[in-house]
Amino acid sequence: MKKSNEKIDFVIIWVDGNDPKWQKEKAKYSPNKDTDSRNIRYRDWENLKYWFRGVEKFAPWVNKIYFVTCGHYPEWLNKDNPKLVCIKHSDYMPKEYLPTFSSIPIELNLHRIKGLSEQFVYFNDDMFITDYVKKTDFFKDGKPVDIAAFNPITYDDKTYISNIYNDIFIINKYFSKNDILKKYTNKFLNIKYGKLNLRTLLCMPWSKILGFYEPHHSNALLKSTFETVWKKEYSILNESSMHKFRTQNDVNQYIFKYWQFCTGNFIPGKNIKKVYKIDRDFEIICDSLKKKKHKLLCINDGETKENFETQKKKLNECFEIILPEKSSFEK
């Protein structure tokens, strides 16, 4: 059994959608109708510094932070911070996958990052730590802490649904729902999950795995899981990594999380994550931030184009209330 005091790294990916050089490079690859290149995937809320402040204040135990970009960095970033490792896509991704304007290839190949610890937590730049967290909120005895609850695939993003469906298709190829329930009953039905257990119970009549409860948040992952799945399903992972923009034929990084579920390679944990959409929940987000209602908060960008500058200003004012001090990751 692995010791619980092993190093835990954080990985965050980021793109500066306002970078003219990046915009010019993106424009060279005109996507077809089956790809997703919406600007909403790249617009900048200018709150990245609060992600770093949250890590330093609420998770000071982190070993290293791997900051993954195509090669551009915020002007305020202190790249000399000893905990920070700046990684370009070309540092770890095979050249045939580059350049890419989809997060999927970037995520599917994270295990290739030199020096990355076996245990790491993966973040998008809209996933913030807003209250104190412990190592054991993410890993125990060398295993990821997570919630494994069955759930039908439901989401309002057509491409995202297709990606998750592709993940589940592969999972059903290797695992029997009845077998994993018999083997890991207490991991799929657990008192720590609370009402989420109802989702699993309601999925019982179906013989196949319909999907998993997916809060779209930071994920505790093992490099060895990536290596295993790449060996098993090289073809689809390689194909997905070749795409410049997100397509409905891709699998995404959740396949690794689901593999951990089905092999029982995780520890059941409580739900400390919350996801809100800016276009739908803006006032709730502001209240949640100011009152630190959640340890982990995902502030997901919506489709709205209205009041962007106004909302950005107000949102960052709320961050300032709980994270007013500069971190050592800022110049």
C-alpha atoms as a PDB file:
ATOM      1  CA  MET A   1       0.000   0.000   0.000  1.00  0.00           C
ATOM      2  CA  LYS A   2       1.293   3.447  -0.881  1.00  0.00           C
ATOM      3  CA  LYS A   3       1.841   5.941   1.891  1.00  0.00           C
ATOM      4  CA  SER A   4      -0.586   8.840   2.220  1.00  0.00           C
ATOM      5  CA  ASN A   5       2.269  11.310   2.629  1.00  0.00           C
ATOM      6  CA  GLU A   6       3.459  10.909  -0.955  1.00  0.00           C
ATOM      7  CA  LYS A   7       3.841  14.078  -2.991  1.00  0.00           C
ATOM      8  CA  ILE A   8       0.748  15.576  -4.580  1.00  0.00           C
ATOM      9  CA  ASP A   9       1.159  17.959  -7.507  1.00  0.00           C
ATOM     10  CA  PHE A  10      -1.411  20.274  -9.051  1.00  0.00           C
ATOM     11  CA  VAL A  11      -1.746  20.675 -12.823  1.00  0.00           C
ATOM     12  CA  ILE A  12      -3.593  23.597 -14.391  1.00  0.00           C
ATOM     13  CA  ILE A  13      -3.939  24.375 -18.090  1.00  0.00           C
ATOM     14  CA  TRP A  14      -4.416  27.914 -19.376  1.00  0.00           C
ATOM     15  CA  VAL A  15      -4.697  29.820 -22.617  1.00  0.00           C
ATOM     16  CA  ASP A  16      -4.486  33.553 -23.208  1.00  0.00           C
ATOM     17  CA  GLY A  17      -7.273  34.040 -25.728  1.00  0.00           C
ATOM     18  CA  ASN A  18      -6.238  37.676 -26.171  1.00  0.00           C
ATOM     19  CA  ASP A  19      -2.727  36.835 -27.366  1.00  0.00           C
ATOM     20  CA  PRO A  20      -2.518  38.106 -31.016  1.00  0.00           C
ATOM     21  CA  LYS A  21       0.132  35.523 -31.901  1.00  0.00           C
ATOM     22  CA  TRP A  22      -2.052  32.706 -30.584  1.00  0.00           C
ATOM     23  CA  GLN A  23      -5.112  34.124 -32.363  1.00  0.00           C
ATOM     24  CA  LYS A  24      -3.212  34.229 -35.656  1.00  0.00           C
ATOM     25  CA  GLU A  25      -2.065  30.633 -35.215  1.00  0.00           C
ATOM     26  CA  LYS A  26      -5.619  29.527 -34.371  1.00  0.00           C
ATOM     27  CA  ALA A  27      -6.974  31.284 -37.472  1.00  0.00           C
ATOM     28  CA  LYS A  28      -4.648  29.267 -39.729  1.00  0.00           C
ATOM     29  CA  TYR A  29      -6.561  26.117 -38.858  1.00  0.00           C
ATOM     30  CA  SER A  30     -10.117  26.786 -39.977  1.00  0.00           C
ATOM     31  CA  PRO A  31     -12.354  24.308 -38.161  1.00  0.00           C
ATOM     32  CA  ASN A  32     -15.081  22.438 -39.989  1.00  0.00           C
ATOM     33  CA  LYS A  33     -18.672  22.131 -38.855  1.00  0.00           C
ATOM     34  CA  ASP A  34     -17.938  19.124 -36.639  1.00  0.00           C
ATOM     35  CA  THR A  35     -15.468  20.950 -34.403  1.00  0.00           C
ATOM     36  CA  ASP A  36     -15.921  23.288 -31.453  1.00  0.00           C
ATOM     37  CA  SER A  37     -13.880  26.481 -31.702  1.00  0.00           C
ATOM     38  CA  ARG A  38     -16.200  28.916 -29.955  1.00  0.00           C
ATOM     39  CA  ASN A  39     -14.453  31.977 -28.533  1.00  0.00           C
ATOM     40  CA  ILE A  40     -16.237  31.331 -25.244  1.00  0.00           C
ATOM     41  CA  ARG A  41     -13.742  28.529 -24.669  1.00  0.00           C
ATOM     42  CA  TYR A  42     -10.904  31.042 -24.638  1.00  0.00           C
ATOM     43  CA  ARG A  43     -12.126  34.388 -23.239  1.00  0.00           C
ATOM     44  CA  ASP A  44     -10.278  35.634 -20.177  1.00  0.00           C
ATOM     45  CA  TRP A  45     -12.028  36.616 -16.943  1.00  0.00           C
ATOM     46  CA  GLU A  46      -8.665  37.848 -15.597  1.00  0.00           C
ATOM     47  CA  ASN A  47      -9.044  35.881 -12.373  1.00  0.00           C
ATOM     48  CA  LEU A  48      -6.184  33.410 -12.754  1.00  0.00           C
ATOM     49  CA  LYS A  49      -4.176  35.106  -9.998  1.00  0.00           C
ATOM     50  CA  TYR A  50      -6.943  34.165  -7.559  1.00  0.00           C
ATOM     51  CA  TRP A  51      -6.448  30.516  -8.461  1.00  0.00           C
ATOM     52  CA  PHE A  52      -2.820  30.824  -7.350  1.00  0.00           C
ATOM     53  CA  ARG A  53      -3.774  32.815  -4.262  1.00  0.00           C
ATOM     54  CA  GLY A  54      -6.309  30.133  -3.338  1.00  0.00           C
ATOM     55  CA  VAL A  55      -3.730  27.376  -3.680  1.00  0.00           C
ATOM     56  CA  GLU A  56      -1.155  29.214  -1.570  1.00  0.00           C
ATOM     57  CA  LYS A  57      -3.616  30.129   1.175  1.00  0.00           C
ATOM     58  CA  PHE A  58      -5.870  27.079   1.286  1.00  0.00           C
ATOM     59  CA  ALA A  59      -3.564  24.244   0.039  1.00  0.00           C
ATOM     60  CA  PRO A  60      -0.029  25.240   1.116  1.00  0.00           C
ATOM     61  CA  TRP A  61       0.952  21.558   1.291  1.00  0.00           C
ATOM     62  CA  VAL A  62       0.996  21.160  -2.514  1.00  0.00           C
ATOM     63  CA  ASN A  63       4.316  19.895  -3.844  1.00  0.00           C
ATOM     64  CA  LYS A  64       4.556  21.484  -7.299  1.00  0.00           C
ATOM     65  CA  ILE A  65       2.203  23.374  -9.583  1.00  0.00           C
ATOM     66  CA  TYR A  66       2.566  22.509 -13.253  1.00  0.00           C
ATOM     67  CA  PHE A  67       1.283  25.459 -15.264  1.00  0.00           C
ATOM     68  CA  VAL A  68       0.589  24.218 -18.787  1.00  0.00           C
ATOM     69  CA  THR A  69       0.280  26.654 -21.714  1.00  0.00           C
ATOM     70  CA  CYS A  70       1.222  26.889 -25.389  1.00  0.00           C
ATOM     71  CA  GLY A  71       4.085  29.138 -24.304  1.00  0.00           C
ATOM     72  CA  HIS A  72       2.500  32.412 -23.216  1.00  0.00           C
ATOM     73  CA  TYR A  73       2.227  33.535 -19.597  1.00  0.00           C
ATOM     74  CA  PRO A  74       0.475  36.293 -17.629  1.00  0.00           C
ATOM     75  CA  GLU A  75       2.672  39.349 -17.164  1.00  0.00           C
ATOM     76  CA  TRP A  76       2.204  39.197 -13.399  1.00  0.00           C
ATOM     77  CA  LEU A  77       3.358  35.570 -13.028  1.00  0.00           C
ATOM     78  CA  ASN A  78       6.504  34.984 -10.968  1.00  0.00           C
ATOM     79  CA  LYS A  79       8.075  32.167 -12.943  1.00  0.00           C
ATOM     80  CA  ASP A  80      10.942  31.963 -10.439  1.00  0.00           C
ATOM     81  CA  ASN A  81       8.690  30.608  -7.694  1.00  0.00           C
ATOM     82  CA  PRO A  82      10.289  27.287  -6.620  1.00  0.00           C
ATOM     83  CA  LYS A  83       6.912  25.545  -6.514  1.00  0.00           C
ATOM     84  CA  LEU A  84       6.009  26.578 -10.047  1.00  0.00           C
ATOM     85  CA  VAL A  85       6.920  24.550 -13.130  1.00  0.00           C
ATOM     86  CA  CYS A  86       5.991  26.229 -16.412  1.00  0.00           C
ATOM     87  CA  ILE A  87       5.291  23.645 -19.095  1.00  0.00           C
ATOM     88  CA  LYS A  88       4.742  24.285 -22.786  1.00  0.00           C
ATOM     89  CA  HIS A  89       2.684  21.861 -24.867  1.00  0.00           C
ATOM     90  CA  SER A  90       5.809  21.094 -26.870  1.00  0.00           C
ATOM     91  CA  ASP A  91       7.630  20.083 -23.667  1.00  0.00           C
ATOM     92  CA  TYR A  92       5.546  16.946 -23.227  1.00  0.00           C
ATOM     93  CA  MET A  93       3.214  16.376 -26.170  1.00  0.00           C
ATOM     94  CA  PRO A  94       4.319  14.480 -29.279  1.00  0.00           C
ATOM     95  CA  LYS A  95       4.922  16.914 -32.138  1.00  0.00           C
ATOM     96  CA  GLU A  96       2.275  15.296 -34.335  1.00  0.00           C
ATOM     97  CA  TYR A  97      -0.372  16.553 -31.866  1.00  0.00           C
ATOM     98  CA  LEU A  98       0.744  20.189 -32.164  1.00  0.00           C
ATOM     99  CA  PRO A  99      -0.400  22.851 -32.350  1.00  0.00           C
ATOM    100  CA  THR A 100      -3.719  22.174 -30.672  1.00  0.00           C
ATOM    101  CA  PHE A 101      -6.588  24.471 -29.775  1.00  0.00           C
ATOM    102  CA  SER A 102      -8.536  21.823 -27.882  1.00  0.00           C
ATOM    103  CA  SER A 103      -8.067  21.002 -24.218  1.00  0.00           C
ATOM    104  CA  ILE A 104      -8.613  17.302 -24.944  1.00  0.00           C
ATOM    105  CA  PRO A 105      -5.148  16.441 -26.361  1.00  0.00           C
ATOM    106  CA  ILE A 106      -3.549  18.576 -23.653  1.00  0.00           C
ATOM    107  CA  GLU A 107      -5.394  16.607 -20.960  1.00  0.00           C
ATOM    108  CA  LEU A 108      -5.033  13.140 -22.445  1.00  0.00           C
ATOM    109  CA  ASN A 109      -1.237  13.442 -22.435  1.00  0.00           C
ATOM    110  CA  LEU A 110      -0.618  14.937 -18.991  1.00  0.00           C
ATOM    111  CA  HIS A 111       1.116  11.764 -17.807  1.00  0.00           C
ATOM    112  CA  ARG A 112       3.974  12.572 -20.187  1.00  0.00           C
ATOM    113  CA  ILE A 113       4.990  15.671 -18.189  1.00  0.00           C
ATOM    114  CA  LYS A 114       8.506  15.098 -16.912  1.00  0.00           C
ATOM    115  CA  GLY A 115       8.724  15.106 -13.127  1.00  0.00           C
ATOM    116  CA  LEU A 116       4.974  15.040 -12.502  1.00  0.00           C
ATOM    117  CA  SER A 117       4.151  13.041  -9.370  1.00  0.00           C
ATOM    118  CA  GLU A 118       2.153   9.808  -9.539  1.00  0.00           C
ATOM    119  CA  GLN A 119      -0.589  11.530  -7.543  1.00  0.00           C
ATOM    120  CA  PHE A 120      -1.829  14.786  -9.007  1.00  0.00           C
ATOM    121  CA  VAL A 121      -4.937  16.949  -9.079  1.00  0.00           C
ATOM    122  CA  TYR A 122      -5.983  18.345 -12.431  1.00  0.00           C
ATOM    123  CA  PHE A 123      -7.656  21.770 -12.662  1.00  0.00           C
ATOM    124  CA  ASN A 124      -9.115  23.877 -15.444  1.00  0.00           C
ATOM    125  CA  ASP A 125      -8.623  27.601 -14.940  1.00  0.00           C
ATOM    126  CA  ASP A 126     -12.250  28.047 -13.837  1.00  0.00           C
ATOM    127  CA  MET A 127     -11.883  25.658 -10.875  1.00  0.00           C
ATOM    128  CA  PHE A 128     -10.896  27.475  -7.688  1.00  0.00           C
ATOM    129  CA  ILE A 129      -9.949  26.507  -4.149  1.00  0.00           C
ATOM    130  CA  THR A 130     -11.967  28.859  -1.956  1.00  0.00           C
ATOM    131  CA  ASP A 131     -11.482  27.378   1.518  1.00  0.00           C
ATOM    132  CA  TYR A 132      -8.999  25.182   3.350  1.00  0.00           C
ATOM    133  CA  VAL A 133      -8.429  21.701   1.929  1.00  0.00           C
ATOM    134  CA  LYS A 134      -6.282  18.813   3.164  1.00  0.00           C
ATOM    135  CA  LYS A 135      -4.256  16.259   1.265  1.00  0.00           C
ATOM    136  CA  THR A 136      -6.807  13.681   2.337  1.00  0.00           C
ATOM    137  CA  ASP A 137      -9.526  15.579   0.498  1.00  0.00           C
ATOM    138  CA  PHE A 138      -7.790  14.380  -2.678  1.00  0.00           C
ATOM    139  CA  PHE A 139      -5.783  11.232  -1.848  1.00  0.00           C
ATOM    140  CA  LYS A 140      -5.707   8.594   0.886  1.00  0.00           C
ATOM    141  CA  ASP A 141      -3.306   5.652   1.005  1.00  0.00           C
ATOM    142  CA  GLY A 142      -2.119   6.484  -2.493  1.00  0.00           C
ATOM    143  CA  LYS A 143      -5.624   6.366  -3.979  1.00  0.00           C
ATOM    144  CA  PRO A 144      -7.752   9.222  -5.330  1.00  0.00           C
ATOM    145  CA  VAL A 145     -10.655  10.353  -3.136  1.00  0.00           C
ATOM    146  CA  ASP A 146     -13.802  10.592  -5.230  1.00  0.00           C
ATOM    147  CA  ILE A 147     -17.523   9.957  -5.576  1.00  0.00           C
ATOM    148  CA  ALA A 148     -18.554   7.018  -7.752  1.00  0.00           C
ATOM    149  CA  ALA A 149     -22.269   7.375  -8.404  1.00  0.00           C
ATOM    150  CA  PHE A 150     -23.991   6.113 -11.515  1.00  0.00           C
ATOM    151  CA  ASN A 151     -25.892   8.701 -13.508  1.00  0.00           C
ATOM    152  CA  PRO A 152     -27.306   8.953 -17.052  1.00  0.00           C
ATOM    153  CA  ILE A 153     -25.315  11.233 -19.343  1.00  0.00           C
ATOM    154  CA  THR A 154     -26.970  14.643 -19.261  1.00  0.00           C
ATOM    155  CA  TYR A 155     -25.441  17.958 -20.279  1.00  0.00           C
ATOM    156  CA  ASP A 156     -26.378  20.989 -22.349  1.00  0.00           C
ATOM    157  CA  ASP A 157     -23.280  20.863 -24.545  1.00  0.00           C
ATOM    158  CA  LYS A 158     -23.732  18.541 -27.552  1.00  0.00           C
ATOM    159  CA  THR A 159     -20.016  18.007 -28.114  1.00  0.00           C
ATOM    160  CA  TYR A 160     -19.367  17.386 -24.420  1.00  0.00           C
ATOM    161  CA  ILE A 161     -22.160  14.785 -24.291  1.00  0.00           C
ATOM    162  CA  SER A 162     -20.612  12.969 -27.251  1.00  0.00           C
ATOM    163  CA  ASN A 163     -17.187  12.930 -25.596  1.00  0.00           C
ATOM    164  CA  ILE A 164     -18.595  11.480 -22.360  1.00  0.00           C
ATOM    165  CA  TYR A 165     -20.634   8.951 -24.344  1.00  0.00           C
ATOM    166  CA  ASN A 166     -17.438   7.814 -26.054  1.00  0.00           C
ATOM    167  CA  ASP A 167     -15.767   7.425 -22.651  1.00  0.00           C
ATOM    168  CA  ILE A 168     -18.645   5.301 -21.358  1.00  0.00           C
ATOM    169  CA  PHE A 169     -18.686   3.161 -24.504  1.00  0.00           C
ATOM    170  CA  ILE A 170     -15.067   2.188 -23.829  1.00  0.00           C
ATOM    171  CA  ILE A 171     -15.738   1.634 -20.115  1.00  0.00           C
ATOM    172  CA  ASN A 172     -18.570  -0.789 -20.950  1.00  0.00           C
ATOM    173  CA  LYS A 173     -16.195  -2.589 -23.279  1.00  0.00           C
ATOM    174  CA  TYR A 174     -13.941  -3.555 -20.377  1.00  0.00           C
ATOM    175  CA  PHE A 175     -16.179  -3.619 -17.306  1.00  0.00           C
ATOM    176  CA  SER A 176     -19.440  -5.272 -16.280  1.00  0.00           C
ATOM    177  CA  LYS A 177     -21.701  -3.095 -14.181  1.00  0.00           C
ATOM    178  CA  ASN A 178     -22.897  -6.052 -12.116  1.00  0.00           C
ATOM    179  CA  ASP A 179     -19.362  -7.291 -11.517  1.00  0.00           C
ATOM    180  CA  ILE A 180     -18.023  -3.972 -10.271  1.00  0.00           C
ATOM    181  CA  LEU A 181     -21.079  -3.485  -8.037  1.00  0.00           C
ATOM    182  CA  LYS A 182     -20.536  -6.908  -6.466  1.00  0.00           C
ATOM    183  CA  LYS A 183     -16.819  -6.341  -6.032  1.00  0.00           C
ATOM    184  CA  TYR A 184     -16.956  -2.729  -4.844  1.00  0.00           C
ATOM    185  CA  THR A 185     -20.451  -2.400  -3.351  1.00  0.00           C
ATOM    186  CA  ASN A 186     -19.356  -0.121  -0.516  1.00  0.00           C
ATOM    187  CA  LYS A 187     -17.526   2.144  -2.969  1.00  0.00           C
ATOM    188  CA  PHE A 188     -20.531   2.694  -5.223  1.00  0.00           C
ATOM    189  CA  LEU A 189     -23.080   2.910  -2.413  1.00  0.00           C
ATOM    190  CA  ASN A 190     -21.533   4.816   0.457  1.00  0.00           C
ATOM    191  CA  ILE A 191     -22.909   6.905   3.296  1.00  0.00           C
ATOM    192  CA  LYS A 192     -20.476   9.712   2.428  1.00  0.00           C
ATOM    193  CA  TYR A 193     -22.292  10.264  -0.866  1.00  0.00           C
ATOM    194  CA  GLY A 194     -25.563  11.239   0.805  1.00  0.00           C
ATOM    195  CA  LYS A 195     -28.395  11.784  -1.681  1.00  0.00           C
ATOM    196  CA  LEU A 196     -26.107  10.967  -4.599  1.00  0.00           C
ATOM    197  CA  ASN A 197     -26.656   7.284  -3.741  1.00  0.00           C
ATOM    198  CA  LEU A 198     -30.161   7.677  -5.191  1.00  0.00           C
ATOM    199  CA  ARG A 199     -28.641   8.209  -8.626  1.00  0.00           C
ATOM    200  CA  THR A 200     -26.929   4.831  -8.445  1.00  0.00           C
ATOM    201  CA  LEU A 201     -30.085   3.119  -7.179  1.00  0.00           C
ATOM    202  CA  LEU A 202     -32.185   4.594  -9.981  1.00  0.00           C
ATOM    203  CA  CYS A 203     -29.713   3.231 -12.545  1.00  0.00           C
ATOM    204  CA  MET A 204     -29.940  -0.319 -11.208  1.00  0.00           C
ATOM    205  CA  PRO A 205     -32.518  -1.596 -13.763  1.00  0.00           C
ATOM    206  CA  TRP A 206     -30.066  -1.091 -16.638  1.00  0.00           C
ATOM    207  CA  SER A 207     -27.485  -3.787 -17.313  1.00  0.00           C
ATOM    208  CA  LYS A 208     -24.918  -1.401 -18.799  1.00  0.00           C
ATOM    209  CA  ILE A 209     -23.191   1.575 -17.207  1.00  0.00           C
ATOM    210  CA  LEU A 210     -25.202   4.606 -18.325  1.00  0.00           C
ATOM    211  CA  GLY A 211     -22.704   7.136 -17.055  1.00  0.00           C
ATOM    212  CA  PHE A 212     -21.359   8.591 -13.834  1.00  0.00           C
ATOM    213  CA  TYR A 213     -22.195  11.596 -11.701  1.00  0.00           C
ATOM    214  CA  GLU A 214     -19.838  14.228 -13.090  1.00  0.00           C
ATOM    215  CA  PRO A 215     -19.672  17.614 -11.349  1.00  0.00           C
ATOM    216  CA  HIS A 216     -17.194  19.039 -13.927  1.00  0.00           C
ATOM    217  CA  HIS A 217     -14.519  19.906 -11.436  1.00  0.00           C
ATOM    218  CA  SER A 218     -10.941  19.239 -10.400  1.00  0.00           C
ATOM    219  CA  ASN A 219     -10.007  15.555 -10.491  1.00  0.00           C
ATOM    220  CA  ALA A 220      -7.586  13.504  -8.416  1.00  0.00           C
ATOM    221  CA  LEU A 221      -5.740  11.267 -10.879  1.00  0.00           C
ATOM    222  CA  LEU A 222      -2.891   8.771 -11.066  1.00  0.00           C
ATOM    223  CA  LYS A 223      -0.289   8.810 -13.810  1.00  0.00           C
ATOM    224  CA  SER A 224      -0.350   5.020 -13.813  1.00  0.00           C
ATOM    225  CA  THR A 225      -4.042   5.125 -14.782  1.00  0.00           C
ATOM    226  CA  PHE A 226      -3.187   7.194 -17.859  1.00  0.00           C
ATOM    227  CA  GLU A 227      -0.464   4.714 -18.808  1.00  0.00           C
ATOM    228  CA  THR A 228      -2.820   1.745 -18.437  1.00  0.00           C
ATOM    229  CA  VAL A 229      -5.613   3.244 -20.535  1.00  0.00           C
ATOM    230  CA  TRP A 230      -3.165   4.396 -23.229  1.00  0.00           C
ATOM    231  CA  LYS A 231      -1.922   0.811 -23.534  1.00  0.00           C
ATOM    232  CA  LYS A 232      -5.474  -0.504 -23.770  1.00  0.00           C
ATOM    233  CA  GLU A 233      -6.961   2.117 -26.080  1.00  0.00           C
ATOM    234  CA  TYR A 234      -4.080   3.730 -27.940  1.00  0.00           C
ATOM    235  CA  SER A 235      -6.028   4.145 -31.183  1.00  0.00           C
ATOM    236  CA  ILE A 236      -8.865   6.348 -29.875  1.00  0.00           C
ATOM    237  CA  LEU A 237      -6.590   8.334 -27.538  1.00  0.00           C
ATOM    238  CA  ASN A 238      -4.156   8.962 -30.352  1.00  0.00           C
ATOM    239  CA  GLU A 239      -6.950   9.985 -32.743  1.00  0.00           C
ATOM    240  CA  SER A 240      -8.437  12.367 -30.161  1.00  0.00           C
ATOM    241  CA  SER A 241      -4.986  13.853 -29.555  1.00  0.00           C
ATOM    242  CA  MET A 242      -4.553  14.551 -33.273  1.00  0.00           C
ATOM    243  CA  HIS A 243      -7.552  16.888 -33.462  1.00  0.00           C
ATOM    244  CA  LYS A 244      -6.795  20.613 -33.493  1.00  0.00           C
ATOM    245  CA  PHE A 245     -10.251  21.445 -32.174  1.00  0.00           C
ATOM    246  CA  ARG A 246     -12.701  19.506 -30.035  1.00  0.00           C
ATOM    247  CA  THR A 247     -14.879  17.081 -32.025  1.00  0.00           C
ATOM    248  CA  GLN A 248     -17.774  14.783 -31.206  1.00  0.00           C
ATOM    249  CA  ASN A 249     -15.570  11.763 -31.953  1.00  0.00           C
ATOM    250  CA  ASP A 250     -13.151  12.448 -29.096  1.00  0.00           C
ATOM    251  CA  VAL A 251     -12.801  10.826 -25.714  1.00  0.00           C
ATOM    252  CA  ASN A 252     -11.772  13.143 -22.896  1.00  0.00           C
ATOM    253  CA  GLN A 253      -9.881  13.033 -19.606  1.00  0.00           C
ATOM    254  CA  TYR A 254     -12.855  11.617 -17.683  1.00  0.00           C
ATOM    255  CA  ILE A 255     -12.093   8.204 -19.128  1.00  0.00           C
ATOM    256  CA  PHE A 256      -9.182   7.982 -16.658  1.00  0.00           C
ATOM    257  CA  LYS A 257     -11.387   8.876 -13.713  1.00  0.00           C
ATOM    258  CA  TYR A 258     -14.011   6.325 -14.751  1.00  0.00           C
ATOM    259  CA  TRP A 259     -11.309   3.681 -15.132  1.00  0.00           C
ATOM    260  CA  GLN A 260     -10.251   4.364 -11.539  1.00  0.00           C
ATOM    261  CA  PHE A 261     -13.868   3.858 -10.476  1.00  0.00           C
ATOM    262  CA  CYS A 262     -14.310   0.554 -12.280  1.00  0.00           C
ATOM    263  CA  THR A 263     -11.040  -0.898 -10.977  1.00  0.00           C
ATOM    264  CA  GLY A 264     -11.902   0.179  -7.431  1.00  0.00           C
ATOM    265  CA  ASN A 265      -8.752   2.278  -7.355  1.00  0.00           C
ATOM    266  CA  PHE A 266     -10.212   5.115  -5.288  1.00  0.00           C
ATOM    267  CA  ILE A 267     -11.488   5.970  -1.806  1.00  0.00           C
ATOM    268  CA  PRO A 268     -15.080   7.187  -1.313  1.00  0.00           C
ATOM    269  CA  GLY A 269     -15.237  10.808  -0.161  1.00  0.00           C
ATOM    270  CA  LYS A 270     -17.671  13.570   0.637  1.00  0.00           C
ATOM    271  CA  ASN A 271     -18.774  16.059  -1.966  1.00  0.00           C
ATOM    272  CA  ILE A 272     -16.793  19.283  -1.375  1.00  0.00           C
ATOM    273  CA  LYS A 273     -17.222  20.596  -4.923  1.00  0.00           C
ATOM    274  CA  LYS A 274     -19.780  22.965  -6.392  1.00  0.00           C
ATOM    275  CA  VAL A 275     -20.305  24.025  -9.993  1.00  0.00           C
ATOM    276  CA  TYR A 276     -22.092  27.171 -11.130  1.00  0.00           C
ATOM    277  CA  LYS A 277     -22.639  28.721 -14.560  1.00  0.00           C
ATOM    278  CA  ILE A 278     -21.983  32.446 -14.796  1.00  0.00           C
ATOM    279  CA  ASP A 279     -24.855  33.182 -17.175  1.00  0.00           C
ATOM    280  CA  ARG A 280     -27.340  31.419 -14.896  1.00  0.00           C
ATOM    281  CA  ASP A 281     -25.963  31.708 -11.350  1.00  0.00           C
ATOM    282  CA  PHE A 282     -23.969  34.930 -11.238  1.00  0.00           C
ATOM    283  CA  GLU A 283     -25.397  36.359  -8.007  1.00  0.00           C
ATOM    284  CA  ILE A 284     -25.202  32.957  -6.310  1.00  0.00           C
ATOM    285  CA  ILE A 285     -21.542  32.692  -7.324  1.00  0.00           C
ATOM    286  CA  CYS A 286     -20.764  36.080  -5.791  1.00  0.00           C
ATOM    287  CA  ASP A 287     -22.520  35.149  -2.546  1.00  0.00           C
ATOM    288  CA  SER A 288     -20.801  31.759  -2.417  1.00  0.00           C
ATOM    289  CA  LEU A 289     -17.398  33.372  -2.902  1.00  0.00           C
ATOM    290  CA  LYS A 290     -17.829  36.065  -0.274  1.00  0.00           C
ATOM    291  CA  LYS A 291     -19.097  33.571   2.313  1.00  0.00           C
ATOM    292  CA  LYS A 292     -16.695  30.747   1.338  1.00  0.00           C
ATOM    293  CA  LYS A 293     -19.606  28.324   1.114  1.00  0.00           C
ATOM    294  CA  HIS A 294     -17.609  25.676  -0.760  1.00  0.00           C
ATOM    295  CA  LYS A 295     -14.051  24.382  -0.587  1.00  0.00           C
ATOM    296  CA  LEU A 296     -13.852  23.869  -4.340  1.00  0.00           C
ATOM    297  CA  LEU A 297     -15.811  26.118  -6.656  1.00  0.00           C
ATOM    298  CA  CYS A 298     -16.082  25.859 -10.433  1.00  0.00           C
ATOM    299  CA  ILE A 299     -17.208  29.074 -12.103  1.00  0.00           C
ATOM    300  CA  ASN A 300     -18.137  27.825 -15.546  1.00  0.00           C
ATOM    301  CA  ASP A 301     -18.410  30.302 -18.376  1.00  0.00           C
ATOM    302  CA  GLY A 302     -21.797  30.493 -20.067  1.00  0.00           C
ATOM    303  CA  GLU A 303     -22.980  31.451 -23.517  1.00  0.00           C
ATOM    304  CA  THR A 304     -24.016  34.988 -22.647  1.00  0.00           C
ATOM    305  CA  LYS A 305     -22.199  37.871 -24.333  1.00  0.00           C
ATOM    306  CA  GLU A 306     -23.965  40.536 -22.293  1.00  0.00           C
ATOM    307  CA  ASN A 307     -22.385  42.429 -19.394  1.00  0.00           C
ATOM    308  CA  PHE A 308     -19.086  40.567 -19.681  1.00  0.00           C
ATOM    309  CA  GLU A 309     -16.919  43.458 -18.487  1.00  0.00           C
ATOM    310  CA  THR A 310     -19.336  44.377 -15.689  1.00  0.00           C
ATOM    311  CA  GLN A 311     -19.607  40.809 -14.462  1.00  0.00           C
ATOM    312  CA  LYS A 312     -15.846  40.316 -14.672  1.00  0.00           C
ATOM    313  CA  LYS A 313     -15.245  43.371 -12.491  1.00  0.00           C
ATOM    314  CA  LYS A 314     -17.807  42.326  -9.879  1.00  0.00           C
ATOM    315  CA  LEU A 315     -16.606  38.726  -9.806  1.00  0.00           C
ATOM    316  CA  ASN A 316     -13.015  39.770  -9.179  1.00  0.00           C
ATOM    317  CA  GLU A 317     -14.148  42.149  -6.447  1.00  0.00           C
ATOM    318  CA  CYS A 318     -15.682  39.130  -4.706  1.00  0.00           C
ATOM    319  CA  PHE A 319     -12.419  37.218  -5.045  1.00  0.00           C
ATOM    320  CA  GLU A 320     -10.639  40.174  -3.452  1.00  0.00           C
ATOM    321  CA  ILE A 321     -12.770  39.796  -0.336  1.00  0.00           C
ATOM    322  CA  ILE A 322     -11.438  36.309   0.455  1.00  0.00           C
ATOM    323  CA  LEU A 323      -8.065  36.527  -1.313  1.00  0.00           C
ATOM    324  CA  PRO A 324      -6.854  40.134  -1.027  1.00  0.00           C
ATOM    325  CA  GLU A 325      -3.148  39.417  -0.545  1.00  0.00           C
ATOM    326  CA  LYS A 326      -0.740  38.804  -3.403  1.00  0.00           C
ATOM    327  CA  SER A 327       0.676  35.309  -3.517  1.00  0.00           C
ATOM    328  CA  SER A 328       4.322  34.399  -4.019  1.00  0.00           C
ATOM    329  CA  PHE A 329       3.313  33.395  -7.546  1.00  0.00           C
ATOM    330  CA  GLU A 330       2.847  37.074  -8.403  1.00  0.00           C
ATOM    331  CA  LYS A 331       5.658  39.498  -9.142  1.00  0.00           C
END
